[in-house]
Amino acid sequence: MLHDRVLVRADAGEGERRSTGGILIPATAELSRRCAWAEAVAVGQSVRTVEPGDRVLYDPEDKLEVEVRGATYVLLRERDLHAVAAERLSGAEGSTGLYL
């Protein structure tokens, strides 16, 4: 990875899902514009806040998909991330493990 790039594996959120009330929502239903969570797989040398294994929040509308050895990943810039969730961040007193 080069510069400020972050390679992430998007969570499988496609298909049918259930609302909090238990209503089944079909895969064809249109979602409102929402951010998505993904796992960081690799980071460039200029990335300061993300390490491989962290979960990151990003806007799926601003994504660039790439295929590496048959697997599909999303390539992002560090500045396009909205939040980072990591176990290493929850060690500080009063911390939630979420970096915004």
PDB file of N, CA and C in Angstrom:
ATOM      1  N   MET A   1       0.848  -1.178   0.000  1.00  0.00           N
ATOM      2  CA  MET A   1       0.000   0.000   0.000  1.00  0.00           C
ATOM      3  C   MET A   1       0.885   1.229   0.000  1.00  0.00           C
ATOM      4  N   LEU A   2       0.437   2.246  -0.708  1.00  0.00           N
ATOM      5  CA  LEU A   2       1.207   3.468  -0.826  1.00  0.00           C
ATOM      6  C   LEU A   2       0.544   4.620  -0.082  1.00  0.00           C
ATOM      7  N   HIS A   3       1.354   5.531   0.408  1.00  0.00           N
ATOM      8  CA  HIS A   3       0.945   6.825   0.982  1.00  0.00           C
ATOM      9  C   HIS A   3      -0.156   6.686   2.031  1.00  0.00           C
ATOM     10  N   ASP A   4      -1.302   7.349   1.812  1.00  0.00           N
ATOM     11  CA  ASP A   4      -2.369   7.391   2.814  1.00  0.00           C
ATOM     12  C   ASP A   4      -3.522   6.454   2.474  1.00  0.00           C
ATOM     13  N   ARG A   5      -3.250   5.397   1.750  1.00  0.00           N
ATOM     14  CA  ARG A   5      -4.297   4.472   1.316  1.00  0.00           C
ATOM     15  C   ARG A   5      -4.565   3.400   2.379  1.00  0.00           C
ATOM     16  N   VAL A   6      -5.840   2.992   2.448  1.00  0.00           N
ATOM     17  CA  VAL A   6      -6.271   1.940   3.354  1.00  0.00           C
ATOM     18  C   VAL A   6      -7.059   0.922   2.531  1.00  0.00           C
ATOM     19  N   LEU A   7      -6.670  -0.336   2.578  1.00  0.00           N
ATOM     20  CA  LEU A   7      -7.365  -1.408   1.889  1.00  0.00           C
ATOM     21  C   LEU A   7      -8.246  -2.104   2.910  1.00  0.00           C
ATOM     22  N   VAL A   8      -9.555  -2.174   2.635  1.00  0.00           N
ATOM     23  CA  VAL A   8     -10.497  -2.750   3.589  1.00  0.00           C
ATOM     24  C   VAL A   8     -11.315  -3.857   2.940  1.00  0.00           C
ATOM     25  N   ARG A   9     -11.761  -4.792   3.778  1.00  0.00           N
ATOM     26  CA  ARG A   9     -12.674  -5.846   3.356  1.00  0.00           C
ATOM     27  C   ARG A   9     -14.040  -5.468   3.904  1.00  0.00           C
ATOM     28  N   ALA A  10     -14.974  -5.177   3.002  1.00  0.00           N
ATOM     29  CA  ALA A  10     -16.301  -4.729   3.416  1.00  0.00           C
ATOM     30  C   ALA A  10     -17.067  -5.855   4.085  1.00  0.00           C
ATOM     31  N   ASP A  11     -17.860  -5.511   5.095  1.00  0.00           N
ATOM     32  CA  ASP A  11     -18.715  -6.496   5.759  1.00  0.00           C
ATOM     33  C   ASP A  11     -19.787  -6.950   4.781  1.00  0.00           C
ATOM     34  N   ALA A  12     -20.118  -8.209   4.839  1.00  0.00           N
ATOM     35  CA  ALA A  12     -21.175  -8.744   3.973  1.00  0.00           C
ATOM     36  C   ALA A  12     -22.516  -8.282   4.514  1.00  0.00           C
ATOM     37  N   GLY A  13     -23.042  -7.221   3.962  1.00  0.00           N
ATOM     38  CA  GLY A  13     -24.308  -6.681   4.432  1.00  0.00           C
ATOM     39  C   GLY A  13     -25.397  -6.806   3.393  1.00  0.00           C
ATOM     40  N   GLU A  14     -25.130  -7.534   2.339  1.00  0.00           N
ATOM     41  CA  GLU A  14     -26.110  -7.682   1.283  1.00  0.00           C
ATOM     42  C   GLU A  14     -26.992  -8.880   1.574  1.00  0.00           C
ATOM     43  N   GLY A  15     -28.162  -8.894   1.005  1.00  0.00           N
ATOM     44  CA  GLY A  15     -29.104  -9.981   1.242  1.00  0.00           C
ATOM     45  C   GLY A  15     -30.208  -9.519   2.172  1.00  0.00           C
ATOM     46  N   GLU A  16     -31.034 -10.455   2.577  1.00  0.00           N
ATOM     47  CA  GLU A  16     -32.133 -10.109   3.459  1.00  0.00           C
ATOM     48  C   GLU A  16     -31.616  -9.774   4.849  1.00  0.00           C
ATOM     49  N   ARG A  17     -32.336  -8.915   5.529  1.00  0.00           N
ATOM     50  CA  ARG A  17     -31.967  -8.526   6.879  1.00  0.00           C
ATOM     51  C   ARG A  17     -33.235  -8.255   7.683  1.00  0.00           C
ATOM     52  N   ARG A  18     -33.109  -8.112   8.959  1.00  0.00           N
ATOM     53  CA  ARG A  18     -34.261  -7.858   9.828  1.00  0.00           C
ATOM     54  C   ARG A  18     -34.101  -6.509  10.518  1.00  0.00           C
ATOM     55  N   SER A  19     -35.224  -5.828  10.671  1.00  0.00           N
ATOM     56  CA  SER A  19     -35.214  -4.576  11.417  1.00  0.00           C
ATOM     57  C   SER A  19     -35.163  -4.904  12.902  1.00  0.00           C
ATOM     58  N   THR A  20     -34.973  -3.882  13.737  1.00  0.00           N
ATOM     59  CA  THR A  20     -34.930  -4.115  15.180  1.00  0.00           C
ATOM     60  C   THR A  20     -36.267  -4.618  15.701  1.00  0.00           C
ATOM     61  N   GLY A  21     -37.343  -4.343  14.981  1.00  0.00           N
ATOM     62  CA  GLY A  21     -38.669  -4.826  15.368  1.00  0.00           C
ATOM     63  C   GLY A  21     -38.970  -6.225  14.858  1.00  0.00           C
ATOM     64  N   GLY A  22     -38.036  -6.832  14.090  1.00  0.00           N
ATOM     65  CA  GLY A  22     -38.217  -8.189  13.603  1.00  0.00           C
ATOM     66  C   GLY A  22     -38.810  -8.289  12.216  1.00  0.00           C
ATOM     67  N   ILE A  23     -39.015  -7.164  11.535  1.00  0.00           N
ATOM     68  CA  ILE A  23     -39.591  -7.182  10.189  1.00  0.00           C
ATOM     69  C   ILE A  23     -38.512  -7.589   9.195  1.00  0.00           C
ATOM     70  N   LEU A  24     -38.818  -8.530   8.308  1.00  0.00           N
ATOM     71  CA  LEU A  24     -37.884  -8.994   7.290  1.00  0.00           C
ATOM     72  C   LEU A  24     -37.832  -7.979   6.158  1.00  0.00           C
ATOM     73  N   ILE A  25     -36.625  -7.489   5.837  1.00  0.00           N
ATOM     74  CA  ILE A  25     -36.429  -6.509   4.768  1.00  0.00           C
ATOM     75  C   ILE A  25     -35.736  -7.224   3.614  1.00  0.00           C
ATOM     76  N   PRO A  26     -36.369  -7.293   2.429  1.00  0.00           N
ATOM     77  CA  PRO A  26     -35.767  -8.022   1.306  1.00  0.00           C
ATOM     78  C   PRO A  26     -34.521  -7.315   0.773  1.00  0.00           C
ATOM     79  N   ALA A  27     -33.662  -8.072   0.095  1.00  0.00           N
ATOM     80  CA  ALA A  27     -32.407  -7.544  -0.442  1.00  0.00           C
ATOM     81  C   ALA A  27     -32.655  -6.485  -1.507  1.00  0.00           C
ATOM     82  N   THR A  28     -33.829  -6.511  -2.129  1.00  0.00           N
ATOM     83  CA  THR A  28     -34.123  -5.554  -3.207  1.00  0.00           C
ATOM     84  C   THR A  28     -34.603  -4.205  -2.684  1.00  0.00           C
ATOM     85  N   ALA A  29     -34.869  -4.093  -1.385  1.00  0.00           N
ATOM     86  CA  ALA A  29     -35.332  -2.827  -0.815  1.00  0.00           C
ATOM     87  C   ALA A  29     -34.208  -1.803  -0.860  1.00  0.00           C
ATOM     88  N   GLU A  30     -34.548  -0.581  -1.226  1.00  0.00           N
ATOM     89  CA  GLU A  30     -33.555   0.483  -1.323  1.00  0.00           C
ATOM     90  C   GLU A  30     -33.267   1.048   0.065  1.00  0.00           C
ATOM     91  N   LEU A  31     -31.983   1.149   0.393  1.00  0.00           N
ATOM     92  CA  LEU A  31     -31.572   1.694   1.684  1.00  0.00           C
ATOM     93  C   LEU A  31     -31.378   3.194   1.590  1.00  0.00           C
ATOM     94  N   SER A  32     -31.548   3.851   2.711  1.00  0.00           N
ATOM     95  CA  SER A  32     -31.189   5.258   2.759  1.00  0.00           C
ATOM     96  C   SER A  32     -29.665   5.352   2.725  1.00  0.00           C
ATOM     97  N   ARG A  33     -29.161   6.515   2.499  1.00  0.00           N
ATOM     98  CA  ARG A  33     -27.706   6.690   2.435  1.00  0.00           C
ATOM     99  C   ARG A  33     -27.120   6.500   3.827  1.00  0.00           C
ATOM    100  N   ARG A  34     -26.293   5.452   3.976  1.00  0.00           N
ATOM    101  CA  ARG A  34     -25.720   5.108   5.269  1.00  0.00           C
ATOM    102  C   ARG A  34     -24.244   4.802   5.117  1.00  0.00           C
ATOM    103  N   CYS A  35     -23.509   4.994   6.189  1.00  0.00           N
ATOM    104  CA  CYS A  35     -22.103   4.590   6.215  1.00  0.00           C
ATOM    105  C   CYS A  35     -22.031   3.090   6.480  1.00  0.00           C
ATOM    106  N   ALA A  36     -20.904   2.484   6.127  1.00  0.00           N
ATOM    107  CA  ALA A  36     -20.732   1.038   6.289  1.00  0.00           C
ATOM    108  C   ALA A  36     -19.442   0.757   7.057  1.00  0.00           C
ATOM    109  N   TRP A  37     -19.424  -0.382   7.769  1.00  0.00           N
ATOM    110  CA  TRP A  37     -18.242  -0.825   8.504  1.00  0.00           C
ATOM    111  C   TRP A  37     -17.444  -1.797   7.655  1.00  0.00           C
ATOM    112  N   ALA A  38     -16.133  -1.772   7.816  1.00  0.00           N
ATOM    113  CA  ALA A  38     -15.248  -2.699   7.112  1.00  0.00           C
ATOM    114  C   ALA A  38     -14.024  -2.959   7.979  1.00  0.00           C
ATOM    115  N   GLU A  39     -13.292  -4.022   7.657  1.00  0.00           N
ATOM    116  CA  GLU A  39     -12.069  -4.357   8.382  1.00  0.00           C
ATOM    117  C   GLU A  39     -10.860  -3.943   7.559  1.00  0.00           C
ATOM    118  N   ALA A  40      -9.941  -3.201   8.170  1.00  0.00           N
ATOM    119  CA  ALA A  40      -8.712  -2.783   7.488  1.00  0.00           C
ATOM    120  C   ALA A  40      -7.814  -3.999   7.299  1.00  0.00           C
ATOM    121  N   VAL A  41      -7.376  -4.215   6.061  1.00  0.00           N
ATOM    122  CA  VAL A  41      -6.529  -5.355   5.729  1.00  0.00           C
ATOM    123  C   VAL A  41      -5.076  -4.909   5.596  1.00  0.00           C
ATOM    124  N   ALA A  42      -4.858  -3.740   4.975  1.00  0.00           N
ATOM    125  CA  ALA A  42      -3.504  -3.210   4.783  1.00  0.00           C
ATOM    126  C   ALA A  42      -3.572  -1.692   4.799  1.00  0.00           C
ATOM    127  N   VAL A  43      -2.489  -1.048   5.231  1.00  0.00           N
ATOM    128  CA  VAL A  43      -2.432   0.416   5.273  1.00  0.00           C
ATOM    129  C   VAL A  43      -1.106   0.890   4.686  1.00  0.00           C
ATOM    130  N   GLY A  44      -1.121   2.111   4.125  1.00  0.00           N
ATOM    131  CA  GLY A  44       0.093   2.713   3.587  1.00  0.00           C
ATOM    132  C   GLY A  44       0.974   3.270   4.691  1.00  0.00           C
ATOM    133  N   GLN A  45       2.204   3.639   4.326  1.00  0.00           N
ATOM    134  CA  GLN A  45       3.175   4.107   5.323  1.00  0.00           C
ATOM    135  C   GLN A  45       2.820   5.470   5.926  1.00  0.00           C
ATOM    136  N   SER A  46       1.953   6.249   5.280  1.00  0.00           N
ATOM    137  CA  SER A  46       1.580   7.568   5.808  1.00  0.00           C
ATOM    138  C   SER A  46       0.317   7.544   6.657  1.00  0.00           C
ATOM    139  N   VAL A  47      -0.306   6.404   6.804  1.00  0.00           N
ATOM    140  CA  VAL A  47      -1.533   6.297   7.598  1.00  0.00           C
ATOM    141  C   VAL A  47      -1.154   6.304   9.076  1.00  0.00           C
ATOM    142  N   ARG A  48      -1.804   7.195   9.858  1.00  0.00           N
ATOM    143  CA  ARG A  48      -1.439   7.356  11.263  1.00  0.00           C
ATOM    144  C   ARG A  48      -2.434   6.740  12.236  1.00  0.00           C
ATOM    145  N   THR A  49      -3.721   6.682  11.876  1.00  0.00           N
ATOM    146  CA  THR A  49      -4.736   6.303  12.856  1.00  0.00           C
ATOM    147  C   THR A  49      -5.288   4.893  12.693  1.00  0.00           C
ATOM    148  N   VAL A  50      -4.926   4.202  11.637  1.00  0.00           N
ATOM    149  CA  VAL A  50      -5.487   2.880  11.357  1.00  0.00           C
ATOM    150  C   VAL A  50      -4.370   1.848  11.289  1.00  0.00           C
ATOM    151  N   GLU A  51      -4.634   0.665  11.841  1.00  0.00           N
ATOM    152  CA  GLU A  51      -3.718  -0.463  11.736  1.00  0.00           C
ATOM    153  C   GLU A  51      -4.499  -1.638  11.167  1.00  0.00           C
ATOM    154  N   PRO A  52      -3.829  -2.576  10.507  1.00  0.00           N
ATOM    155  CA  PRO A  52      -4.548  -3.754  10.007  1.00  0.00           C
ATOM    156  C   PRO A  52      -5.282  -4.462  11.147  1.00  0.00           C
ATOM    157  N   GLY A  53      -6.505  -4.858  10.882  1.00  0.00           N
ATOM    158  CA  GLY A  53      -7.345  -5.499  11.891  1.00  0.00           C
ATOM    159  C   GLY A  53      -8.355  -4.559  12.510  1.00  0.00           C
ATOM    160  N   ASP A  54      -8.164  -3.240  12.392  1.00  0.00           N
ATOM    161  CA  ASP A  54      -9.124  -2.268  12.918  1.00  0.00           C
ATOM    162  C   ASP A  54     -10.389  -2.272  12.062  1.00  0.00           C
ATOM    163  N   ARG A  55     -11.510  -1.897  12.673  1.00  0.00           N
ATOM    164  CA  ARG A  55     -12.755  -1.714  11.912  1.00  0.00           C
ATOM    165  C   ARG A  55     -12.911  -0.232  11.636  1.00  0.00           C
ATOM    166  N   VAL A  56     -13.268   0.096  10.395  1.00  0.00           N
ATOM    167  CA  VAL A  56     -13.392   1.493   9.993  1.00  0.00           C
ATOM    168  C   VAL A  56     -14.783   1.754   9.427  1.00  0.00           C
ATOM    169  N   LEU A  57     -15.231   2.976   9.584  1.00  0.00           N
ATOM    170  CA  LEU A  57     -16.529   3.414   9.075  1.00  0.00           C
ATOM    171  C   LEU A  57     -16.280   4.320   7.879  1.00  0.00           C
ATOM    172  N   TYR A  58     -16.943   4.026   6.747  1.00  0.00           N
ATOM    173  CA  TYR A  58     -16.732   4.808   5.523  1.00  0.00           C
ATOM    174  C   TYR A  58     -18.050   4.949   4.771  1.00  0.00           C
ATOM    175  N   ASP A  59     -18.074   5.848   3.805  1.00  0.00           N
ATOM    176  CA  ASP A  59     -19.249   6.078   2.968  1.00  0.00           C
ATOM    177  C   ASP A  59     -19.158   5.176   1.736  1.00  0.00           C
ATOM    178  N   PRO A  60     -20.070   4.219   1.563  1.00  0.00           N
ATOM    179  CA  PRO A  60     -19.990   3.299   0.429  1.00  0.00           C
ATOM    180  C   PRO A  60     -20.145   3.984  -0.924  1.00  0.00           C
ATOM    181  N   GLU A  61     -20.670   5.196  -0.955  1.00  0.00           N
ATOM    182  CA  GLU A  61     -20.817   5.922  -2.222  1.00  0.00           C
ATOM    183  C   GLU A  61     -19.452   6.360  -2.761  1.00  0.00           C
ATOM    184  N   ASP A  62     -18.474   6.564  -1.879  1.00  0.00           N
ATOM    185  CA  ASP A  62     -17.152   7.058  -2.269  1.00  0.00           C
ATOM    186  C   ASP A  62     -16.109   5.954  -2.312  1.00  0.00           C
ATOM    187  N   LYS A  63     -16.480   4.775  -2.775  1.00  0.00           N
ATOM    188  CA  LYS A  63     -15.542   3.663  -2.715  1.00  0.00           C
ATOM    189  C   LYS A  63     -14.988   3.308  -4.091  1.00  0.00           C
ATOM    190  N   LEU A  64     -13.811   2.725  -4.069  1.00  0.00           N
ATOM    191  CA  LEU A  64     -13.160   2.204  -5.262  1.00  0.00           C
ATOM    192  C   LEU A  64     -12.884   0.737  -4.995  1.00  0.00           C
ATOM    193  N   GLU A  65     -13.585  -0.146  -5.696  1.00  0.00           N
ATOM    194  CA  GLU A  65     -13.417  -1.574  -5.476  1.00  0.00           C
ATOM    195  C   GLU A  65     -12.262  -2.109  -6.311  1.00  0.00           C
ATOM    196  N   VAL A  66     -11.489  -3.020  -5.722  1.00  0.00           N
ATOM    197  CA  VAL A  66     -10.393  -3.685  -6.415  1.00  0.00           C
ATOM    198  C   VAL A  66     -10.491  -5.181  -6.122  1.00  0.00           C
ATOM    199  N   GLU A  67      -9.990  -5.987  -7.052  1.00  0.00           N
ATOM    200  CA  GLU A  67      -9.983  -7.425  -6.857  1.00  0.00           C
ATOM    201  C   GLU A  67      -8.542  -7.888  -6.738  1.00  0.00           C
ATOM    202  N   VAL A  68      -8.232  -8.574  -5.650  1.00  0.00           N
ATOM    203  CA  VAL A  68      -6.889  -9.083  -5.396  1.00  0.00           C
ATOM    204  C   VAL A  68      -7.003 -10.580  -5.143  1.00  0.00           C
ATOM    205  N   ARG A  69      -6.415 -11.372  -6.015  1.00  0.00           N
ATOM    206  CA  ARG A  69      -6.432 -12.838  -5.905  1.00  0.00           C
ATOM    207  C   ARG A  69      -7.839 -13.387  -5.729  1.00  0.00           C
ATOM    208  N   GLY A  70      -8.774 -12.856  -6.482  1.00  0.00           N
ATOM    209  CA  GLY A  70     -10.148 -13.351  -6.467  1.00  0.00           C
ATOM    210  C   GLY A  70     -11.028 -12.794  -5.374  1.00  0.00           C
ATOM    211  N   ALA A  71     -10.493 -12.012  -4.467  1.00  0.00           N
ATOM    212  CA  ALA A  71     -11.277 -11.405  -3.382  1.00  0.00           C
ATOM    213  C   ALA A  71     -11.484  -9.923  -3.680  1.00  0.00           C
ATOM    214  N   THR A  72     -12.660  -9.409  -3.362  1.00  0.00           N
ATOM    215  CA  THR A  72     -12.983  -8.001  -3.612  1.00  0.00           C
ATOM    216  C   THR A  72     -12.727  -7.176  -2.360  1.00  0.00           C
ATOM    217  N   TYR A  73     -11.989  -6.090  -2.524  1.00  0.00           N
ATOM    218  CA  TYR A  73     -11.665  -5.163  -1.441  1.00  0.00           C
ATOM    219  C   TYR A  73     -12.073  -3.753  -1.857  1.00  0.00           C
ATOM    220  N   VAL A  74     -12.058  -2.845  -0.897  1.00  0.00           N
ATOM    221  CA  VAL A  74     -12.342  -1.429  -1.150  1.00  0.00           C
ATOM    222  C   VAL A  74     -11.082  -0.640  -0.811  1.00  0.00           C
ATOM    223  N   LEU A  75     -10.685   0.257  -1.695  1.00  0.00           N
ATOM    224  CA  LEU A  75      -9.499   1.088  -1.510  1.00  0.00           C
ATOM    225  C   LEU A  75      -9.957   2.500  -1.147  1.00  0.00           C
ATOM    226  N   LEU A  76      -9.483   3.010  -0.015  1.00  0.00           N
ATOM    227  CA  LEU A  76      -9.891   4.322   0.494  1.00  0.00           C
ATOM    228  C   LEU A  76      -8.668   5.150   0.866  1.00  0.00           C
ATOM    229  N   ARG A  77      -8.859   6.454   0.972  1.00  0.00           N
ATOM    230  CA  ARG A  77      -7.852   7.328   1.561  1.00  0.00           C
ATOM    231  C   ARG A  77      -8.177   7.446   3.045  1.00  0.00           C
ATOM    232  N   GLU A  78      -7.157   7.694   3.844  1.00  0.00           N
ATOM    233  CA  GLU A  78      -7.382   7.820   5.284  1.00  0.00           C
ATOM    234  C   GLU A  78      -8.364   8.945   5.593  1.00  0.00           C
ATOM    235  N   ARG A  79      -8.323  10.016   4.854  1.00  0.00           N
ATOM    236  CA  ARG A  79      -9.213  11.157   5.119  1.00  0.00           C
ATOM    237  C   ARG A  79     -10.677  10.857   4.795  1.00  0.00           C
ATOM    238  N   ASP A  80     -10.946   9.769   4.043  1.00  0.00           N
ATOM    239  CA  ASP A  80     -12.316   9.395   3.718  1.00  0.00           C
ATOM    240  C   ASP A  80     -12.967   8.535   4.800  1.00  0.00           C
ATOM    241  N   LEU A  81     -12.222   8.182   5.836  1.00  0.00           N
ATOM    242  CA  LEU A  81     -12.763   7.385   6.925  1.00  0.00           C
ATOM    243  C   LEU A  81     -13.478   8.290   7.921  1.00  0.00           C
ATOM    244  N   HIS A  82     -14.582   7.818   8.459  1.00  0.00           N
ATOM    245  CA  HIS A  82     -15.357   8.605   9.416  1.00  0.00           C
ATOM    246  C   HIS A  82     -15.073   8.205  10.861  1.00  0.00           C
ATOM    247  N   ALA A  83     -14.690   6.936  11.089  1.00  0.00           N
ATOM    248  CA  ALA A  83     -14.401   6.478  12.449  1.00  0.00           C
ATOM    249  C   ALA A  83     -13.533   5.230  12.385  1.00  0.00           C
ATOM    250  N   VAL A  84     -12.812   4.977  13.478  1.00  0.00           N
ATOM    251  CA  VAL A  84     -11.986   3.778  13.615  1.00  0.00           C
ATOM    252  C   VAL A  84     -12.349   3.137  14.948  1.00  0.00           C
ATOM    253  N   ALA A  85     -12.673   1.837  14.915  1.00  0.00           N
ATOM    254  CA  ALA A  85     -12.957   1.087  16.136  1.00  0.00           C
ATOM    255  C   ALA A  85     -11.880   0.033  16.286  1.00  0.00           C
ATOM    256  N   ALA A  86     -11.194   0.032  17.444  1.00  0.00           N
ATOM    257  CA  ALA A  86     -10.112  -0.918  17.648  1.00  0.00           C
ATOM    258  C   ALA A  86     -10.001  -1.275  19.122  1.00  0.00           C
ATOM    259  N   GLU A  87      -9.631  -2.522  19.378  1.00  0.00           N
ATOM    260  CA  GLU A  87      -9.421  -2.976  20.753  1.00  0.00           C
ATOM    261  C   GLU A  87      -8.302  -2.189  21.419  1.00  0.00           C
ATOM    262  N   ARG A  88      -7.265  -1.823  20.666  1.00  0.00           N
ATOM    263  CA  ARG A  88      -6.127  -1.108  21.238  1.00  0.00           C
ATOM    264  C   ARG A  88      -6.515   0.282  21.730  1.00  0.00           C
ATOM    265  N   LEU A  89      -7.620   0.843  21.232  1.00  0.00           N
ATOM    266  CA  LEU A  89      -8.069   2.169  21.649  1.00  0.00           C
ATOM    267  C   LEU A  89      -8.919   2.111  22.917  1.00  0.00           C
ATOM    268  N   SER A  90      -9.424   0.941  23.292  1.00  0.00           N
ATOM    269  CA  SER A  90     -10.298   0.846  24.459  1.00  0.00           C
ATOM    270  C   SER A  90      -9.525   0.707  25.767  1.00  0.00           C
ATOM    271  N   GLY A  91      -8.192   0.617  25.709  1.00  0.00           N
ATOM    272  CA  GLY A  91      -7.388   0.464  26.919  1.00  0.00           C
ATOM    273  C   GLY A  91      -7.296   1.719  27.764  1.00  0.00           C
ATOM    274  N   ALA A  92      -7.468   2.885  27.163  1.00  0.00           N
ATOM    275  CA  ALA A  92      -7.369   4.140  27.910  1.00  0.00           C
ATOM    276  C   ALA A  92      -8.594   4.309  28.810  1.00  0.00           C
ATOM    277  N   GLU A  93      -8.388   4.945  29.946  1.00  0.00           N
ATOM    278  CA  GLU A  93      -9.477   5.153  30.901  1.00  0.00           C
ATOM    279  C   GLU A  93     -10.565   6.027  30.283  1.00  0.00           C
ATOM    280  N   GLY A  94     -11.812   5.576  30.383  1.00  0.00           N
ATOM    281  CA  GLY A  94     -12.946   6.337  29.868  1.00  0.00           C
ATOM    282  C   GLY A  94     -13.089   6.253  28.357  1.00  0.00           C
ATOM    283  N   SER A  95     -12.328   5.402  27.693  1.00  0.00           N
ATOM    284  CA  SER A  95     -12.389   5.296  26.247  1.00  0.00           C
ATOM    285  C   SER A  95     -13.403   4.247  25.819  1.00  0.00           C
ATOM    286  N   THR A  96     -14.057   4.482  24.694  1.00  0.00           N
ATOM    287  CA  THR A  96     -15.036   3.552  24.152  1.00  0.00           C
ATOM    288  C   THR A  96     -14.425   2.622  23.125  1.00  0.00           C
ATOM    289  N   GLY A  97     -13.175   2.850  22.742  1.00  0.00           N
ATOM    290  CA  GLY A  97     -12.563   2.055  21.692  1.00  0.00           C
ATOM    291  C   GLY A  97     -12.883   2.583  20.314  1.00  0.00           C
ATOM    292  N   LEU A  98     -13.507   3.755  20.243  1.00  0.00           N
ATOM    293  CA  LEU A  98     -13.913   4.349  18.979  1.00  0.00           C
ATOM    294  C   LEU A  98     -13.193   5.676  18.804  1.00  0.00           C
ATOM    295  N   TYR A  99     -12.516   5.846  17.686  1.00  0.00           N
ATOM    296  CA  TYR A  99     -11.801   7.078  17.394  1.00  0.00           C
ATOM    297  C   TYR A  99     -12.510   7.777  16.267  1.00  0.00           C
ATOM    298  N   LEU A 100     -13.015   8.981  16.519  1.00  0.00           N
ATOM    299  CA  LEU A 100     -13.740   9.738  15.482  1.00  0.00           C
ATOM    300  C   LEU A 100     -12.904  10.873  14.974  1.00  0.00           C
TER     301      LEU A 100
END
